[in-house]
Amino acid sequence: LTLSGEPGKKLLEIMGASSYIQRSEQEKIFDNWEYYTRSSNVNRRKAFIVTGNILQAFSKFGGKLISFTTKDGSIRKGILQPENFDPQKNLKQGFVNVPIGKAYNYIMQMGEDATVSTPDGKIMINHYAGHSDNDYFMSIPANKNFKDIFEDAKIIKLCNNIRDGFEKRSDKMIAYFSNSSIKPLVEHLQEKYNFAVMLSENVYNEFVDKKKSISVKTDVQSRAEKTYQKDKENFEARLQSQSKVVSAPVPPTDNEKLKLLKLKMKMKAKALQLVSLNE
């Protein structure tokens, strides 16, 4: 049955709001349905909205992206926090930047719609858990500063759409990945781009292996090492060739000296014969 008018609009709003709710939260709402319906019917209630750098905030706080009106009438965007949000508890929680390779265990086990991002919040990996093996998606700013990443042939080969690679969505480039592609993707991001992601202290303590060290070598470092090795080989080859040219002459033996003396005497005798003929 299709709803139109105000009821249909209301239903669409409910569906849109529900799309951000994770499965575990849905079960909690069903179990406490009466409490949530009573509290949602009040005229006013206290709520917390995270503002500022929205992308970076998403890596620290969950919630729903909304538009809200301030006292002066301006419209802003923010992340609406759940009703049980405790600002004192959440703001005290610290965050740790770790190489993305160390965050692999968490990435594979994080809940649906959970996200890890680089410390600046610009690059994100989201546990999408969609359809047709779209288990994760990677979001990158659609500008030239990140072109080498969203045009990286190896990343495109790992994503689900190997023909088109990343797709442009507004100001972002998006690519979807299956579970089996996440490990090689994380390894490539670690090895070539030296990615770091931000994790809460709780997640860090639970999922990150502190004993295991990761050898971080960027693409620039790899190229520099190859250039150094090549220059070293060329330099050693030049030294060897120069040593052959500049080497001291070997003094002649007694036999060679005798041959030179006989040659000089023959040349002198020839010169005397020429003089006598001319006279």
Protein backbone atom coordinates (compact mmCIF):
# COMPACT_ATOMS: atom_id res chain seq x y z
CA LEU A 1 0.00 0.00 0.00
CA THR A 2 1.47 3.31 -1.10
CA LEU A 3 1.13 6.26 1.25
CA SER A 4 0.94 9.78 -0.15
CA GLY A 5 0.79 13.27 1.28
CA GLU A 6 1.78 13.94 4.88
CA PRO A 7 1.62 10.27 6.07
CA GLY A 8 3.88 9.20 3.20
CA LYS A 9 6.34 11.99 3.97
CA LYS A 10 6.37 10.98 7.62
CA LEU A 11 7.03 7.34 6.71
CA LEU A 12 9.95 8.31 4.49
CA GLU A 13 11.41 10.38 7.34
CA ILE A 14 11.15 7.37 9.67
CA MET A 15 12.80 5.09 7.09
CA GLY A 16 15.60 7.61 6.56
CA ALA A 17 16.22 7.97 10.29
CA SER A 18 16.14 4.20 10.81
CA SER A 19 18.78 3.55 8.14
CA TYR A 20 21.48 4.86 10.48
CA ILE A 21 20.51 2.53 13.35
CA GLN A 22 22.76 -0.49 13.75
CA ARG A 23 21.26 -3.93 14.23
CA SER A 24 22.24 -4.14 17.90
CA GLU A 25 20.57 -0.76 18.55
CA GLN A 26 17.43 -1.91 16.69
CA GLU A 27 17.08 -4.88 19.04
CA LYS A 28 17.55 -2.59 22.03
CA ILE A 29 14.80 -0.28 20.75
CA PHE A 30 12.38 -3.18 20.22
CA ASP A 31 13.05 -4.46 23.75
CA ASN A 32 12.39 -1.00 25.23
CA TRP A 33 9.76 0.16 22.76
CA GLU A 34 7.37 1.70 25.34
CA TYR A 35 10.14 3.74 26.99
CA TYR A 36 11.37 5.14 23.66
CA THR A 37 7.88 6.00 22.40
CA ARG A 38 7.02 7.81 25.66
CA SER A 39 10.27 9.79 25.69
CA SER A 40 9.94 10.70 22.00
CA ASN A 41 6.44 12.14 22.50
CA VAL A 42 7.58 14.84 24.95
CA ASN A 43 7.68 18.40 23.62
CA ARG A 44 11.29 19.06 24.63
CA ARG A 45 14.23 16.85 25.47
CA LYS A 46 17.96 17.32 25.91
CA ALA A 47 20.16 16.13 23.06
CA PHE A 48 23.86 16.38 22.16
CA ILE A 49 25.05 17.32 18.67
CA VAL A 50 28.70 17.12 17.59
CA THR A 51 29.66 19.97 15.22
CA GLY A 52 32.83 21.22 13.55
CA ASN A 53 34.82 18.88 11.31
CA ILE A 54 32.06 16.35 10.60
CA LEU A 55 34.29 13.83 8.81
CA GLN A 56 36.82 13.73 11.62
CA ALA A 57 34.04 13.64 14.23
CA PHE A 58 32.54 10.54 12.59
CA SER A 59 35.75 8.66 13.37
CA LYS A 60 35.37 9.50 17.08
CA PHE A 61 31.61 9.55 17.63
CA GLY A 62 28.75 7.48 16.27
CA GLY A 63 25.33 8.95 15.63
CA LYS A 64 23.17 10.36 12.89
CA LEU A 65 24.04 13.19 10.52
CA ILE A 66 21.36 15.90 10.78
CA SER A 67 20.67 19.53 9.91
CA PHE A 68 19.53 21.74 12.78
CA THR A 69 18.53 25.37 13.28
CA THR A 70 20.37 27.56 15.79
CA LYS A 71 18.91 30.44 17.85
CA ASP A 72 19.99 33.02 15.27
CA GLY A 73 18.11 31.11 12.54
CA SER A 74 21.14 29.71 10.71
CA ILE A 75 21.09 26.08 9.57
CA ARG A 76 24.06 23.88 10.43
CA LYS A 77 25.03 20.23 10.13
CA GLY A 78 26.05 17.98 13.01
CA ILE A 79 26.04 14.44 14.39
CA LEU A 80 23.11 13.74 16.70
CA GLN A 81 24.22 11.49 19.56
CA PRO A 82 22.11 8.67 21.06
CA GLU A 83 19.89 9.43 24.04
CA ASN A 84 22.20 7.59 26.41
CA PHE A 85 25.22 9.68 25.33
CA ASP A 86 27.36 10.75 28.32
CA PRO A 87 29.60 13.71 27.33
CA GLN A 88 31.84 13.44 30.39
CA LYS A 89 32.54 9.78 29.79
CA ASN A 90 32.96 10.02 26.02
CA LEU A 91 35.11 13.14 25.95
CA LYS A 92 37.53 11.71 28.51
CA GLN A 93 38.17 8.71 26.29
CA GLY A 94 41.47 9.13 24.49
CA PHE A 95 42.35 8.17 20.92
CA VAL A 96 45.44 6.55 19.47
CA ASN A 97 46.89 6.78 15.97
CA VAL A 98 48.16 3.42 14.75
CA PRO A 99 49.41 2.04 11.39
CA ILE A 100 46.44 0.67 9.47
CA GLY A 101 48.12 -2.74 9.41
CA LYS A 102 47.78 -2.94 13.19
CA ALA A 103 44.08 -2.05 12.95
CA TYR A 104 43.29 -4.97 10.61
CA ASN A 105 41.77 -7.18 13.35
CA TYR A 106 39.43 -4.39 14.42
CA ILE A 107 38.45 -3.52 10.84
CA MET A 108 37.41 -7.13 10.24
CA GLN A 109 35.39 -7.31 13.47
CA MET A 110 33.91 -3.81 13.78
CA GLY A 111 30.12 -3.55 13.76
CA GLU A 112 27.92 -2.64 10.82
CA ASP A 113 28.20 1.01 9.77
CA ALA A 114 31.29 1.44 11.97
CA THR A 115 34.16 3.42 10.48
CA VAL A 116 37.91 3.85 10.77
CA SER A 117 39.54 6.92 9.32
CA THR A 118 42.86 8.66 8.94
CA PRO A 119 43.60 11.17 11.74
CA ASP A 120 42.41 14.08 9.57
CA GLY A 121 39.16 12.24 8.82
CA LYS A 122 39.56 12.58 5.06
CA ILE A 123 39.93 8.88 4.15
CA MET A 124 37.53 6.36 5.67
CA ILE A 125 36.82 2.63 5.55
CA ASN A 126 33.25 1.78 6.52
CA HIS A 127 31.79 -1.64 7.38
CA TYR A 128 28.90 -1.25 4.99
CA ALA A 129 27.59 -4.84 5.06
CA GLY A 130 25.46 -4.21 1.99
CA HIS A 131 24.32 -6.54 -0.79
CA SER A 132 26.25 -8.49 -3.46
CA ASP A 133 29.45 -8.73 -1.39
CA ASN A 134 29.57 -4.96 -0.79
CA ASP A 135 30.85 -5.61 2.73
CA TYR A 136 33.00 -2.46 3.04
CA PHE A 137 33.40 0.81 1.24
CA MET A 138 36.33 3.21 1.08
CA SER A 139 35.73 6.96 0.86
CA ILE A 140 38.35 9.39 -0.47
CA PRO A 141 38.07 13.13 -1.27
CA ALA A 142 37.48 13.63 -5.00
CA ASN A 143 40.33 16.04 -5.65
CA LYS A 144 43.76 15.90 -7.29
CA ASN A 145 45.60 15.57 -3.96
CA PHE A 146 44.23 12.02 -3.63
CA LYS A 147 44.24 11.09 -7.33
CA ASP A 148 47.14 8.65 -6.92
CA ILE A 149 45.03 6.66 -4.43
CA PHE A 150 41.67 6.45 -6.22
CA GLU A 151 43.48 5.75 -9.51
CA ASP A 152 45.79 3.15 -7.94
CA ALA A 153 45.56 0.09 -10.23
CA LYS A 154 46.09 -2.38 -7.38
CA ILE A 155 43.27 -0.89 -5.27
CA ILE A 156 40.93 -0.85 -8.27
CA LYS A 157 41.77 -4.51 -8.95
CA LEU A 158 40.76 -5.37 -5.36
CA CYS A 159 37.43 -3.49 -5.39
CA ASN A 160 34.15 -5.04 -6.57
CA ASN A 161 33.84 -2.79 -9.62
CA ILE A 162 37.15 -3.51 -11.34
CA ARG A 163 35.92 -1.94 -14.58
CA ASP A 164 35.16 1.56 -13.24
CA GLY A 165 36.98 1.51 -9.90
CA PHE A 166 35.98 4.40 -7.65
CA GLU A 167 32.65 6.14 -8.31
CA LYS A 168 32.15 9.86 -7.73
CA ARG A 169 29.50 10.68 -5.12
CA SER A 170 29.22 14.41 -4.48
CA ASP A 171 32.73 15.46 -3.33
CA LYS A 172 33.84 11.88 -2.56
CA MET A 173 35.21 8.91 -4.48
CA ILE A 174 33.65 5.63 -3.28
CA ALA A 175 34.67 2.02 -3.92
CA TYR A 176 33.15 -1.17 -2.47
CA PHE A 177 35.07 -4.23 -1.31
CA SER A 178 34.25 -7.76 -0.19
CA ASN A 179 35.55 -9.26 3.05
CA SER A 180 38.20 -11.27 1.21
CA SER A 181 39.73 -8.09 -0.29
CA ILE A 182 40.23 -6.23 2.97
CA LYS A 183 43.47 -7.92 4.03
CA PRO A 184 45.36 -7.23 0.75
CA LEU A 185 43.84 -3.72 0.69
CA VAL A 186 45.08 -2.94 4.21
CA GLU A 187 48.52 -4.39 3.44
CA HIS A 188 48.78 -2.26 0.28
CA LEU A 189 47.67 0.92 2.06
CA GLN A 190 50.26 0.22 4.76
CA GLU A 191 53.15 -0.62 2.44
CA LYS A 192 52.67 2.03 -0.25
CA TYR A 193 50.99 4.95 1.53
CA ASN A 194 51.97 4.35 5.17
CA PHE A 195 48.38 4.92 6.28
CA ALA A 196 47.56 5.52 9.94
CA VAL A 197 44.06 5.36 11.44
CA MET A 198 42.63 6.69 14.67
CA LEU A 199 41.24 4.25 17.25
CA SER A 200 39.74 4.81 20.67
CA GLU A 201 41.82 3.62 23.61
CA ASN A 202 39.29 0.87 24.34
CA VAL A 203 39.53 -0.47 20.79
CA TYR A 204 43.31 -0.11 20.82
CA ASN A 205 43.65 -2.09 24.06
CA GLU A 206 41.30 -4.83 22.84
CA PHE A 207 42.31 -5.37 19.21
CA VAL A 208 45.85 -4.07 18.62
CA ASP A 209 48.80 -6.38 19.15
CA LYS A 210 51.41 -4.18 20.87
CA LYS A 211 54.17 -6.80 20.62
CA LYS A 212 54.04 -7.17 16.87
CA SER A 213 55.94 -4.43 15.09
CA ILE A 214 55.22 -3.35 11.53
CA SER A 215 57.99 -2.37 9.17
CA VAL A 216 56.75 0.85 7.64
CA LYS A 217 58.25 1.63 4.26
CA THR A 218 56.59 4.20 2.02
CA ASP A 219 56.68 4.23 -1.77
CA VAL A 220 59.04 7.23 -1.64
CA GLN A 221 61.43 5.35 0.65
CA SER A 222 61.39 2.31 -1.64
CA ARG A 223 62.19 4.44 -4.70
CA ALA A 224 64.95 6.26 -2.80
CA GLU A 225 66.54 2.97 -1.76
CA LYS A 226 66.48 1.68 -5.36
CA THR A 227 68.00 4.95 -6.65
CA TYR A 228 70.73 4.80 -4.00
CA GLN A 229 71.60 1.19 -4.90
CA LYS A 230 71.76 2.04 -8.62
CA ASP A 231 73.95 5.11 -8.01
CA LYS A 232 76.24 3.03 -5.79
CA GLU A 233 76.69 0.38 -8.50
CA ASN A 234 77.39 3.05 -11.17
CA PHE A 235 79.93 4.78 -8.91
CA GLU A 236 81.81 1.53 -8.21
CA ALA A 237 81.88 0.73 -11.96
CA ARG A 238 83.37 4.18 -12.73
CA LEU A 239 86.03 3.68 -10.06
CA GLN A 240 87.07 0.36 -11.58
CA SER A 241 87.33 1.83 -15.10
CA GLN A 242 89.36 4.80 -13.84
CA SER A 243 91.78 2.51 -11.96
CA LYS A 244 92.56 0.66 -15.22
CA VAL A 245 93.39 3.90 -17.08
CA VAL A 246 95.42 5.55 -14.33
CA SER A 247 97.43 2.42 -13.39
CA ALA A 248 101.25 2.93 -13.39
CA PRO A 249 103.23 1.59 -16.46
CA VAL A 250 105.11 -1.66 -16.03
CA PRO A 251 108.91 -1.15 -16.45
CA PRO A 252 110.47 -3.01 -19.48
CA THR A 253 112.46 -6.21 -18.93
CA ASP A 254 116.17 -6.67 -19.88
CA ASN A 255 115.18 -8.52 -23.03
CA GLU A 256 112.91 -5.66 -24.10
CA LYS A 257 115.69 -3.14 -23.39
CA LEU A 258 118.08 -5.12 -25.65
CA LYS A 259 115.54 -5.16 -28.47
CA LEU A 260 115.09 -1.37 -28.18
CA LEU A 261 118.85 -0.84 -28.31
CA LYS A 262 119.25 -3.01 -31.45
CA LEU A 263 116.38 -1.10 -33.10
CA LYS A 264 118.08 2.23 -32.39
CA MET A 265 121.40 0.96 -33.81
CA LYS A 266 119.71 -0.22 -37.03
CA MET A 267 117.98 3.15 -37.43
CA LYS A 268 121.33 4.93 -36.93
CA ALA A 269 123.06 2.66 -39.54
CA LYS A 270 120.29 3.37 -42.05
CA ALA A 271 120.69 7.11 -41.48
CA LEU A 272 124.51 6.86 -42.14
CA GLN A 273 123.91 4.93 -45.40
CA LEU A 274 121.51 7.65 -46.61
CA VAL A 275 124.10 10.36 -45.84
CA SER A 276 126.87 8.52 -47.78
CA LEU A 277 124.63 8.07 -50.83
CA ASN A 278 123.75 11.74 -50.93
CA GLU A 279 127.47 12.68 -50.95
